[in-house]
């Protein structure tokens, strides 16, 4: 079964991270990604770049802007045998400012 693991973080917290701290976080993500790939569990994953657009009722606006202090920073798509396994991977996400990990099953379509 496939799961989308969304990584949310604090925009203010991310802005306060030093270059060395950022390199350490990225290195941990690369290490985790490599291990999941070697285990045949990683389908895809990427950090998200700033910006983007929102389509709502056919109207395009700058965004995404949300009413929370968190922002989506990246994602993993994993293929695992159970929700428990997906949650275990979610618990392994490298810590970053305000990290919230969302684990969502996909429809498999």
PDB file of N, CA and C in Angstrom:
ATOM      1  N   UNK A   1       0.842  -1.172   0.000  1.00  0.00           N
ATOM      2  CA  UNK A   1       0.000   0.000   0.000  1.00  0.00           C
ATOM      3  C   UNK A   1       0.895   1.244   0.000  1.00  0.00           C
ATOM      4  N   UNK A   2       0.458   2.254  -0.731  1.00  0.00           N
ATOM      5  CA  UNK A   2       1.224   3.502  -0.792  1.00  0.00           C
ATOM      6  C   UNK A   2       0.685   4.525   0.201  1.00  0.00           C
ATOM      7  N   UNK A   3       1.639   5.276   0.763  1.00  0.00           N
ATOM      8  CA  UNK A   3       1.307   6.350   1.698  1.00  0.00           C
ATOM      9  C   UNK A   3       2.047   7.612   1.281  1.00  0.00           C
ATOM     10  N   UNK A   4       1.369   8.732   1.433  1.00  0.00           N
ATOM     11  CA  UNK A   4       1.981  10.037   1.251  1.00  0.00           C
ATOM     12  C   UNK A   4       2.350  10.543   2.636  1.00  0.00           C
ATOM     13  N   UNK A   5       3.609  10.858   2.831  1.00  0.00           N
ATOM     14  CA  UNK A   5       4.074  11.418   4.094  1.00  0.00           C
ATOM     15  C   UNK A   5       4.398  12.879   3.830  1.00  0.00           C
ATOM     16  N   UNK A   6       3.551  13.767   4.365  1.00  0.00           N
ATOM     17  CA  UNK A   6       3.734  15.208   4.198  1.00  0.00           C
ATOM     18  C   UNK A   6       4.505  15.757   5.383  1.00  0.00           C
ATOM     19  N   UNK A   7       5.465  16.608   5.098  1.00  0.00           N
ATOM     20  CA  UNK A   7       6.275  17.223   6.146  1.00  0.00           C
ATOM     21  C   UNK A   7       5.921  18.696   6.248  1.00  0.00           C
ATOM     22  N   UNK A   8       5.382  19.083   7.382  1.00  0.00           N
ATOM     23  CA  UNK A   8       5.028  20.469   7.666  1.00  0.00           C
ATOM     24  C   UNK A   8       6.062  21.037   8.606  1.00  0.00           C
ATOM     25  N   UNK A   9       6.334  22.334   8.481  1.00  0.00           N
ATOM     26  CA  UNK A   9       7.279  22.970   9.382  1.00  0.00           C
ATOM     27  C   UNK A   9       6.926  24.418   9.619  1.00  0.00           C
ATOM     28  N   UNK A  10       7.674  25.026  10.485  1.00  0.00           N
ATOM     29  CA  UNK A  10       7.485  26.427  10.837  1.00  0.00           C
ATOM     30  C   UNK A  10       8.311  27.304   9.907  1.00  0.00           C
ATOM     31  N   UNK A  11       7.660  28.196   9.181  1.00  0.00           N
ATOM     32  CA  UNK A  11       8.385  29.090   8.266  1.00  0.00           C
ATOM     33  C   UNK A  11       9.370  29.961   9.039  1.00  0.00           C
ATOM     34  N   UNK A  12       8.934  30.494  10.185  1.00  0.00           N
ATOM     35  CA  UNK A  12       9.831  31.325  10.999  1.00  0.00           C
ATOM     36  C   UNK A  12      10.998  30.499  11.537  1.00  0.00           C
ATOM     37  N   UNK A  13      10.701  29.284  11.981  1.00  0.00           N
ATOM     38  CA  UNK A  13      11.747  28.405  12.489  1.00  0.00           C
ATOM     39  C   UNK A  13      12.756  28.035  11.419  1.00  0.00           C
ATOM     40  N   UNK A  14      12.251  27.751  10.227  1.00  0.00           N
ATOM     41  CA  UNK A  14      13.146  27.414   9.109  1.00  0.00           C
ATOM     42  C   UNK A  14      14.051  28.585   8.766  1.00  0.00           C
ATOM     43  N   UNK A  15      13.501  29.806   8.818  1.00  0.00           N
ATOM     44  CA  UNK A  15      14.298  30.992   8.498  1.00  0.00           C
ATOM     45  C   UNK A  15      15.419  31.203   9.507  1.00  0.00           C
ATOM     46  N   UNK A  16      15.227  30.690  10.728  1.00  0.00           N
ATOM     47  CA  UNK A  16      16.219  30.872  11.782  1.00  0.00           C
ATOM     48  C   UNK A  16      17.298  29.788  11.798  1.00  0.00           C
ATOM     49  N   UNK A  17      17.138  28.760  10.976  1.00  0.00           N
ATOM     50  CA  UNK A  17      18.107  27.661  10.941  1.00  0.00           C
ATOM     51  C   UNK A  17      19.412  28.153  10.314  1.00  0.00           C
ATOM     52  N   UNK A  18      20.524  27.804  10.931  1.00  0.00           N
ATOM     53  CA  UNK A  18      21.828  28.192  10.383  1.00  0.00           C
ATOM     54  C   UNK A  18      22.156  27.325   9.171  1.00  0.00           C
ATOM     55  N   UNK A  19      23.070  27.769   8.323  1.00  0.00           N
ATOM     56  CA  UNK A  19      23.471  26.944   7.175  1.00  0.00           C
ATOM     57  C   UNK A  19      23.974  25.559   7.600  1.00  0.00           C
ATOM     58  N   UNK A  20      24.742  25.485   8.682  1.00  0.00           N
ATOM     59  CA  UNK A  20      25.237  24.185   9.143  1.00  0.00           C
ATOM     60  C   UNK A  20      24.091  23.286   9.618  1.00  0.00           C
ATOM     61  N   UNK A  21      23.119  23.876  10.317  1.00  0.00           N
ATOM     62  CA  UNK A  21      21.963  23.095  10.764  1.00  0.00           C
ATOM     63  C   UNK A  21      21.159  22.597   9.567  1.00  0.00           C
ATOM     64  N   UNK A  22      20.996  23.454   8.566  1.00  0.00           N
ATOM     65  CA  UNK A  22      20.256  23.055   7.357  1.00  0.00           C
ATOM     66  C   UNK A  22      20.967  21.911   6.638  1.00  0.00           C
ATOM     67  N   UNK A  23      22.286  22.013   6.511  1.00  0.00           N
ATOM     68  CA  UNK A  23      23.049  20.937   5.868  1.00  0.00           C
ATOM     69  C   UNK A  23      22.877  19.623   6.628  1.00  0.00           C
ATOM     70  N   UNK A  24      22.865  19.686   7.948  1.00  0.00           N
ATOM     71  CA  UNK A  24      22.700  18.475   8.764  1.00  0.00           C
ATOM     72  C   UNK A  24      21.314  17.856   8.554  1.00  0.00           C
ATOM     73  N   UNK A  25      20.275  18.695   8.491  1.00  0.00           N
ATOM     74  CA  UNK A  25      18.919  18.193   8.256  1.00  0.00           C
ATOM     75  C   UNK A  25      18.823  17.552   6.877  1.00  0.00           C
ATOM     76  N   UNK A  26      19.358  18.221   5.872  1.00  0.00           N
ATOM     77  CA  UNK A  26      19.327  17.684   4.503  1.00  0.00           C
ATOM     78  C   UNK A  26      20.096  16.368   4.433  1.00  0.00           C
ATOM     79  N   UNK A  27      21.242  16.297   5.085  1.00  0.00           N
ATOM     80  CA  UNK A  27      22.037  15.060   5.094  1.00  0.00           C
ATOM     81  C   UNK A  27      21.236  13.908   5.702  1.00  0.00           C
ATOM     82  N   UNK A  28      20.490  14.182   6.762  1.00  0.00           N
ATOM     83  CA  UNK A  28      19.660  13.136   7.379  1.00  0.00           C
ATOM     84  C   UNK A  28      18.548  12.688   6.439  1.00  0.00           C
ATOM     85  N   UNK A  29      17.937  13.623   5.708  1.00  0.00           N
ATOM     86  CA  UNK A  29      16.911  13.247   4.728  1.00  0.00           C
ATOM     87  C   UNK A  29      17.511  12.394   3.612  1.00  0.00           C
ATOM     88  N   UNK A  30      18.693  12.764   3.138  1.00  0.00           N
ATOM     89  CA  UNK A  30      19.339  11.981   2.082  1.00  0.00           C
ATOM     90  C   UNK A  30      19.660  10.577   2.564  1.00  0.00           C
ATOM     91  N   UNK A  31      20.124  10.469   3.789  1.00  0.00           N
ATOM     92  CA  UNK A  31      20.445   9.162   4.378  1.00  0.00           C
ATOM     93  C   UNK A  31      19.179   8.298   4.497  1.00  0.00           C
ATOM     94  N   UNK A  32      18.095   8.895   5.003  1.00  0.00           N
ATOM     95  CA  UNK A  32      16.830   8.165   5.131  1.00  0.00           C
ATOM     96  C   UNK A  32      16.306   7.759   3.752  1.00  0.00           C
ATOM     97  N   UNK A  33      16.349   8.676   2.795  1.00  0.00           N
ATOM     98  CA  UNK A  33      15.882   8.374   1.433  1.00  0.00           C
ATOM     99  C   UNK A  33      16.663   7.227   0.819  1.00  0.00           C
ATOM    100  N   UNK A  34      17.969   7.240   0.990  1.00  0.00           N
ATOM    101  CA  UNK A  34      18.809   6.170   0.438  1.00  0.00           C
ATOM    102  C   UNK A  34      18.446   4.826   1.062  1.00  0.00           C
ATOM    103  N   UNK A  35      18.262   4.814   2.377  1.00  0.00           N
ATOM    104  CA  UNK A  35      17.907   3.563   3.044  1.00  0.00           C
ATOM    105  C   UNK A  35      16.550   3.049   2.576  1.00  0.00           C
ATOM    106  N   UNK A  36      15.554   3.935   2.490  1.00  0.00           N
ATOM    107  CA  UNK A  36      14.230   3.519   2.031  1.00  0.00           C
ATOM    108  C   UNK A  36      14.281   3.034   0.579  1.00  0.00           C
ATOM    109  N   UNK A  37      15.092   3.691  -0.246  1.00  0.00           N
ATOM    110  CA  UNK A  37      15.259   3.258  -1.642  1.00  0.00           C
ATOM    111  C   UNK A  37      15.881   1.862  -1.694  1.00  0.00           C
ATOM    112  N   UNK A  38      16.925   1.645  -0.890  1.00  0.00           N
ATOM    113  CA  UNK A  38      17.587   0.342  -0.851  1.00  0.00           C
ATOM    114  C   UNK A  38      16.638  -0.760  -0.382  1.00  0.00           C
ATOM    115  N   UNK A  39      15.702  -0.412   0.510  1.00  0.00           N
ATOM    116  CA  UNK A  39      14.723  -1.376   1.019  1.00  0.00           C
ATOM    117  C   UNK A  39      13.532  -1.547   0.071  1.00  0.00           C
ATOM    118  N   UNK A  40      13.514  -0.798  -1.032  1.00  0.00           N
ATOM    119  CA  UNK A  40      12.424  -0.888  -1.992  1.00  0.00           C
ATOM    120  C   UNK A  40      11.138  -0.228  -1.524  1.00  0.00           C
ATOM    121  N   UNK A  41      11.223   0.684  -0.551  1.00  0.00           N
ATOM    122  CA  UNK A  41      10.027   1.327   0.005  1.00  0.00           C
ATOM    123  C   UNK A  41       9.789   2.734  -0.533  1.00  0.00           C
ATOM    124  N   UNK A  42      10.820   3.399  -1.011  1.00  0.00           N
ATOM    125  CA  UNK A  42      10.660   4.778  -1.467  1.00  0.00           C
ATOM    126  C   UNK A  42      10.187   4.797  -2.915  1.00  0.00           C
ATOM    127  N   UNK A  43       9.024   5.377  -3.149  1.00  0.00           N
ATOM    128  CA  UNK A  43       8.510   5.561  -4.503  1.00  0.00           C
ATOM    129  C   UNK A  43       9.045   6.875  -5.048  1.00  0.00           C
ATOM    130  N   UNK A  44       8.923   7.946  -4.226  1.00  0.00           N
ATOM    131  CA  UNK A  44       9.411   9.258  -4.637  1.00  0.00           C
ATOM    132  C   UNK A  44       9.387  10.186  -3.435  1.00  0.00           C
ATOM    133  N   UNK A  45      10.152  11.241  -3.498  1.00  0.00           N
ATOM    134  CA  UNK A  45      10.129  12.259  -2.459  1.00  0.00           C
ATOM    135  C   UNK A  45      10.917  13.467  -2.914  1.00  0.00           C
ATOM    136  N   UNK A  46      10.518  14.629  -2.436  1.00  0.00           N
ATOM    137  CA  UNK A  46      11.191  15.876  -2.794  1.00  0.00           C
ATOM    138  C   UNK A  46      10.901  16.938  -1.742  1.00  0.00           C
ATOM    139  N   UNK A  47      11.863  17.853  -1.565  1.00  0.00           N
ATOM    140  CA  UNK A  47      11.531  19.059  -0.818  1.00  0.00           C
ATOM    141  C   UNK A  47      10.739  19.969  -1.759  1.00  0.00           C
ATOM    142  N   UNK A  48       9.947  20.844  -1.204  1.00  0.00           N
ATOM    143  CA  UNK A  48       9.189  21.778  -2.034  1.00  0.00           C
ATOM    144  C   UNK A  48       9.884  23.124  -2.064  1.00  0.00           C
ATOM    145  N   UNK A  49       9.867  23.746  -3.228  1.00  0.00           N
ATOM    146  CA  UNK A  49      10.457  25.070  -3.397  1.00  0.00           C
ATOM    147  C   UNK A  49       9.448  26.124  -2.951  1.00  0.00           C
ATOM    148  N   UNK A  50       9.911  27.303  -2.590  1.00  0.00           N
ATOM    149  CA  UNK A  50       8.978  28.374  -2.226  1.00  0.00           C
ATOM    150  C   UNK A  50       8.100  28.752  -3.409  1.00  0.00           C
ATOM    151  N   UNK A  51       6.929  29.235  -3.104  1.00  0.00           N
ATOM    152  CA  UNK A  51       6.037  29.712  -4.161  1.00  0.00           C
ATOM    153  C   UNK A  51       4.964  28.708  -4.480  1.00  0.00           C
ATOM    154  N   UNK A  52       4.461  28.798  -5.679  1.00  0.00           N
ATOM    155  CA  UNK A  52       3.379  27.938  -6.117  1.00  0.00           C
ATOM    156  C   UNK A  52       2.138  28.758  -6.403  1.00  0.00           C
ATOM    157  N   UNK A  53       1.151  28.108  -6.937  1.00  0.00           N
ATOM    158  CA  UNK A  53      -0.124  28.743  -7.280  1.00  0.00           C
ATOM    159  C   UNK A  53      -1.251  27.897  -6.723  1.00  0.00           C
ATOM    160  N   UNK A  54      -2.370  28.553  -6.490  1.00  0.00           N
ATOM    161  CA  UNK A  54      -3.576  27.877  -6.024  1.00  0.00           C
ATOM    162  C   UNK A  54      -4.656  28.080  -7.073  1.00  0.00           C
ATOM    163  N   UNK A  55      -5.321  26.988  -7.440  1.00  0.00           N
ATOM    164  CA  UNK A  55      -6.482  27.059  -8.327  1.00  0.00           C
ATOM    165  C   UNK A  55      -7.720  26.809  -7.473  1.00  0.00           C
ATOM    166  N   UNK A  56      -8.591  27.793  -7.432  1.00  0.00           N
ATOM    167  CA  UNK A  56      -9.830  27.643  -6.665  1.00  0.00           C
ATOM    168  C   UNK A  56     -10.956  28.183  -7.525  1.00  0.00           C
ATOM    169  N   UNK A  57     -11.895  27.297  -7.857  1.00  0.00           N
ATOM    170  CA  UNK A  57     -13.016  27.675  -8.715  1.00  0.00           C
ATOM    171  C   UNK A  57     -12.540  28.289 -10.027  1.00  0.00           C
ATOM    172  N   UNK A  58     -11.446  27.732 -10.571  1.00  0.00           N
ATOM    173  CA  UNK A  58     -10.925  28.191 -11.850  1.00  0.00           C
ATOM    174  C   UNK A  58     -10.106  29.459 -11.801  1.00  0.00           C
ATOM    175  N   UNK A  59      -9.952  30.042 -10.625  1.00  0.00           N
ATOM    176  CA  UNK A  59      -9.191  31.283 -10.487  1.00  0.00           C
ATOM    177  C   UNK A  59      -7.818  30.951  -9.910  1.00  0.00           C
ATOM    178  N   UNK A  60      -6.772  31.493 -10.537  1.00  0.00           N
ATOM    179  CA  UNK A  60      -5.399  31.251 -10.103  1.00  0.00           C
ATOM    180  C   UNK A  60      -4.947  32.394  -9.202  1.00  0.00           C
ATOM    181  N   UNK A  61      -4.420  32.032  -8.034  1.00  0.00           N
ATOM    182  CA  UNK A  61      -3.862  33.033  -7.127  1.00  0.00           C
ATOM    183  C   UNK A  61      -2.467  32.594  -6.703  1.00  0.00           C
ATOM    184  N   UNK A  62      -1.677  33.546  -6.237  1.00  0.00           N
ATOM    185  CA  UNK A  62      -0.385  33.184  -5.667  1.00  0.00           C
ATOM    186  C   UNK A  62      -0.636  32.362  -4.426  1.00  0.00           C
ATOM    187  N   UNK A  63       0.314  31.521  -4.100  1.00  0.00           N
ATOM    188  CA  UNK A  63       0.128  30.708  -2.907  1.00  0.00           C
ATOM    189  C   UNK A  63       1.118  29.576  -2.915  1.00  0.00           C
ATOM    190  N   UNK A  64       0.898  28.571  -2.172  1.00  0.00           N
ATOM    191  CA  UNK A  64      -0.240  28.437  -1.270  1.00  0.00           C
ATOM    192  C   UNK A  64      -0.042  29.252  -0.002  1.00  0.00           C
ATOM    193  N   UNK A  65      -1.092  29.936   0.403  1.00  0.00           N
ATOM    194  CA  UNK A  65      -1.095  30.653   1.671  1.00  0.00           C
ATOM    195  C   UNK A  65      -2.130  29.975   2.550  1.00  0.00           C
ATOM    196  N   UNK A  66      -1.743  29.598   3.723  1.00  0.00           N
ATOM    197  CA  UNK A  66      -2.661  28.922   4.622  1.00  0.00           C
ATOM    198  C   UNK A  66      -2.859  29.776   5.864  1.00  0.00           C
ATOM    199  N   UNK A  67      -3.868  29.465   6.598  1.00  0.00           N
ATOM    200  CA  UNK A  67      -4.206  30.227   7.800  1.00  0.00           C
ATOM    201  C   UNK A  67      -3.472  29.695   9.028  1.00  0.00           C
ATOM    202  N   UNK A  68      -2.434  28.929   8.837  1.00  0.00           N
ATOM    203  CA  UNK A  68      -1.675  28.393   9.958  1.00  0.00           C
ATOM    204  C   UNK A  68      -0.248  28.906   9.878  1.00  0.00           C
ATOM    205  N   UNK A  69       0.516  28.668  10.911  1.00  0.00           N
ATOM    206  CA  UNK A  69       1.910  29.090  10.922  1.00  0.00           C
ATOM    207  C   UNK A  69       2.809  28.049  10.273  1.00  0.00           C
ATOM    208  N   UNK A  70       2.254  26.885   9.953  1.00  0.00           N
ATOM    209  CA  UNK A  70       3.037  25.835   9.323  1.00  0.00           C
ATOM    210  C   UNK A  70       2.919  25.921   7.804  1.00  0.00           C
ATOM    211  N   UNK A  71       3.914  25.364   7.134  1.00  0.00           N
ATOM    212  CA  UNK A  71       3.861  25.263   5.684  1.00  0.00           C
ATOM    213  C   UNK A  71       4.372  23.891   5.285  1.00  0.00           C
ATOM    214  N   UNK A  72       3.874  23.389   4.158  1.00  0.00           N
ATOM    215  CA  UNK A  72       4.346  22.098   3.661  1.00  0.00           C
ATOM    216  C   UNK A  72       5.749  22.310   3.121  1.00  0.00           C
ATOM    217  N   UNK A  73       6.684  21.488   3.581  1.00  0.00           N
ATOM    218  CA  UNK A  73       8.071  21.645   3.174  1.00  0.00           C
ATOM    219  C   UNK A  73       8.573  20.550   2.254  1.00  0.00           C
ATOM    220  N   UNK A  74       7.899  19.414   2.238  1.00  0.00           N
ATOM    221  CA  UNK A  74       8.345  18.313   1.396  1.00  0.00           C
ATOM    222  C   UNK A  74       7.445  17.112   1.585  1.00  0.00           C
ATOM    223  N   UNK A  75       7.778  16.040   0.865  1.00  0.00           N
ATOM    224  CA  UNK A  75       6.953  14.842   0.945  1.00  0.00           C
ATOM    225  C   UNK A  75       7.765  13.610   0.579  1.00  0.00           C
ATOM    226  N   UNK A  76       7.275  12.491   1.024  1.00  0.00           N
ATOM    227  CA  UNK A  76       7.764  11.175   0.628  1.00  0.00           C
ATOM    228  C   UNK A  76       6.539  10.373   0.190  1.00  0.00           C
ATOM    229  N   UNK A  77       6.683   9.567  -0.825  1.00  0.00           N
ATOM    230  CA  UNK A  77       5.676   8.565  -1.150  1.00  0.00           C
ATOM    231  C   UNK A  77       6.356   7.222  -0.939  1.00  0.00           C
ATOM    232  N   UNK A  78       5.786   6.419  -0.038  1.00  0.00           N
ATOM    233  CA  UNK A  78       6.389   5.136   0.288  1.00  0.00           C
ATOM    234  C   UNK A  78       5.409   4.019  -0.017  1.00  0.00           C
ATOM    235  N   UNK A  79       5.944   2.864  -0.311  1.00  0.00           N
ATOM    236  CA  UNK A  79       5.129   1.675  -0.525  1.00  0.00           C
ATOM    237  C   UNK A  79       5.535   0.662   0.525  1.00  0.00           C
ATOM    238  N   UNK A  80       4.593   0.375   1.421  1.00  0.00           N
ATOM    239  CA  UNK A  80       4.870  -0.481   2.569  1.00  0.00           C
ATOM    240  C   UNK A  80       3.709  -1.452   2.778  1.00  0.00           C
ATOM    241  N   UNK A  81       3.882  -2.377   3.705  1.00  0.00           N
ATOM    242  CA  UNK A  81       2.881  -3.409   3.940  1.00  0.00           C
ATOM    243  C   UNK A  81       1.750  -3.018   4.872  1.00  0.00           C
ATOM    244  N   UNK A  82       1.922  -1.941   5.630  1.00  0.00           N
ATOM    245  CA  UNK A  82       0.880  -1.595   6.600  1.00  0.00           C
ATOM    246  C   UNK A  82       0.973  -0.126   6.998  1.00  0.00           C
ATOM    247  N   UNK A  83      -0.109   0.346   7.600  1.00  0.00           N
ATOM    248  CA  UNK A  83      -0.118   1.704   8.126  1.00  0.00           C
ATOM    249  C   UNK A  83       0.931   1.848   9.231  1.00  0.00           C
ATOM    250  N   UNK A  84       1.084   0.820  10.043  1.00  0.00           N
ATOM    251  CA  UNK A  84       2.070   0.859  11.124  1.00  0.00           C
ATOM    252  C   UNK A  84       3.477   1.084  10.580  1.00  0.00           C
ATOM    253  N   UNK A  85       3.784   0.449   9.453  1.00  0.00           N
ATOM    254  CA  UNK A  85       5.102   0.623   8.841  1.00  0.00           C
ATOM    255  C   UNK A  85       5.267   2.051   8.310  1.00  0.00           C
ATOM    256  N   UNK A  86       4.211   2.600   7.719  1.00  0.00           N
ATOM    257  CA  UNK A  86       4.260   3.988   7.234  1.00  0.00           C
ATOM    258  C   UNK A  86       4.444   4.949   8.407  1.00  0.00           C
ATOM    259  N   UNK A  87       3.746   4.698   9.514  1.00  0.00           N
ATOM    260  CA  UNK A  87       3.899   5.542  10.700  1.00  0.00           C
ATOM    261  C   UNK A  87       5.310   5.434  11.278  1.00  0.00           C
ATOM    262  N   UNK A  88       5.881   4.242  11.232  1.00  0.00           N
ATOM    263  CA  UNK A  88       7.255   4.065  11.719  1.00  0.00           C
ATOM    264  C   UNK A  88       8.228   4.894  10.889  1.00  0.00           C
ATOM    265  N   UNK A  89       8.024   4.931   9.573  1.00  0.00           N
ATOM    266  CA  UNK A  89       8.865   5.761   8.709  1.00  0.00           C
ATOM    267  C   UNK A  89       8.640   7.228   9.044  1.00  0.00           C
ATOM    268  N   UNK A  90       7.389   7.609   9.257  1.00  0.00           N
ATOM    269  CA  UNK A  90       7.080   8.990   9.629  1.00  0.00           C
ATOM    270  C   UNK A  90       7.802   9.417  10.896  1.00  0.00           C
ATOM    271  N   UNK A  91       7.926   8.497  11.844  1.00  0.00           N
ATOM    272  CA  UNK A  91       8.623   8.809  13.095  1.00  0.00           C
ATOM    273  C   UNK A  91      10.120   9.012  12.888  1.00  0.00           C
ATOM    274  N   UNK A  92      10.647   8.509  11.786  1.00  0.00           N
ATOM    275  CA  UNK A  92      12.079   8.627  11.494  1.00  0.00           C
ATOM    276  C   UNK A  92      12.459   9.939  10.804  1.00  0.00           C
ATOM    277  N   UNK A  93      11.476  10.765  10.451  1.00  0.00           N
ATOM    278  CA  UNK A  93      11.783  11.996   9.735  1.00  0.00           C
ATOM    279  C   UNK A  93      12.727  12.865  10.552  1.00  0.00           C
ATOM    280  N   UNK A  94      13.768  13.381   9.901  1.00  0.00           N
ATOM    281  CA  UNK A  94      14.703  14.258  10.604  1.00  0.00           C
ATOM    282  C   UNK A  94      13.973  15.456  11.205  1.00  0.00           C
ATOM    283  N   UNK A  95      14.323  15.780  12.403  1.00  0.00           N
ATOM    284  CA  UNK A  95      13.674  16.886  13.109  1.00  0.00           C
ATOM    285  C   UNK A  95      14.078  18.224  12.494  1.00  0.00           C
ATOM    286  N   UNK A  96      13.098  19.100  12.356  1.00  0.00           N
ATOM    287  CA  UNK A  96      13.331  20.463  11.902  1.00  0.00           C
ATOM    288  C   UNK A  96      12.344  21.354  12.648  1.00  0.00           C
ATOM    289  N   UNK A  97      12.500  22.672  12.587  1.00  0.00           N
ATOM    290  CA  UNK A  97      11.657  23.570  13.383  1.00  0.00           C
ATOM    291  C   UNK A  97      10.161  23.361  13.127  1.00  0.00           C
ATOM    292  N   UNK A  98       9.431  23.091  14.200  1.00  0.00           N
ATOM    293  CA  UNK A  98       7.980  22.952  14.109  1.00  0.00           C
ATOM    294  C   UNK A  98       7.498  21.753  13.321  1.00  0.00           C
ATOM    295  N   UNK A  99       8.329  20.720  13.187  1.00  0.00           N
ATOM    296  CA  UNK A  99       7.989  19.583  12.330  1.00  0.00           C
ATOM    297  C   UNK A  99       6.673  18.923  12.732  1.00  0.00           C
ATOM    298  N   UNK A 100       5.797  18.762  11.746  1.00  0.00           N
ATOM    299  CA  UNK A 100       4.583  17.966  11.862  1.00  0.00           C
ATOM    300  C   UNK A 100       4.606  17.006  10.682  1.00  0.00           C
ATOM    301  N   UNK A 101       4.395  15.728  10.953  1.00  0.00           N
ATOM    302  CA  UNK A 101       4.418  14.704   9.908  1.00  0.00           C
ATOM    303  C   UNK A 101       3.005  14.163   9.746  1.00  0.00           C
ATOM    304  N   UNK A 102       2.503  14.206   8.527  1.00  0.00           N
ATOM    305  CA  UNK A 102       1.167  13.707   8.208  1.00  0.00           C
ATOM    306  C   UNK A 102       1.330  12.452   7.354  1.00  0.00           C
ATOM    307  N   UNK A 103       0.690  11.355   7.733  1.00  0.00           N
ATOM    308  CA  UNK A 103       0.794  10.087   7.003  1.00  0.00           C
ATOM    309  C   UNK A 103      -0.596   9.775   6.446  1.00  0.00           C
ATOM    310  N   UNK A 104      -0.690   9.760   5.112  1.00  0.00           N
ATOM    311  CA  UNK A 104      -1.982   9.605   4.437  1.00  0.00           C
ATOM    312  C   UNK A 104      -1.944   8.432   3.458  1.00  0.00           C
ATOM    313  N   UNK A 105      -2.906   7.510   3.549  1.00  0.00           N
ATOM    314  CA  UNK A 105      -2.957   6.420   2.555  1.00  0.00           C
ATOM    315  C   UNK A 105      -3.405   6.985   1.213  1.00  0.00           C
ATOM    316  N   UNK A 106      -2.857   6.436   0.139  1.00  0.00           N
ATOM    317  CA  UNK A 106      -3.335   6.832  -1.193  1.00  0.00           C
ATOM    318  C   UNK A 106      -4.401   5.846  -1.637  1.00  0.00           C
ATOM    319  N   UNK A 107      -5.120   6.190  -2.671  1.00  0.00           N
ATOM    320  CA  UNK A 107      -6.191   5.315  -3.151  1.00  0.00           C
ATOM    321  C   UNK A 107      -5.647   4.156  -3.980  1.00  0.00           C
ATOM    322  N   UNK A 108      -4.369   4.250  -4.369  1.00  0.00           N
ATOM    323  CA  UNK A 108      -3.772   3.172  -5.147  1.00  0.00           C
ATOM    324  C   UNK A 108      -4.179   3.166  -6.603  1.00  0.00           C
ATOM    325  N   UNK A 109      -4.854   4.217  -7.046  1.00  0.00           N
ATOM    326  CA  UNK A 109      -5.320   4.294  -8.444  1.00  0.00           C
ATOM    327  C   UNK A 109      -4.167   4.688  -9.330  1.00  0.00           C
TER     328      UNK A 109
END
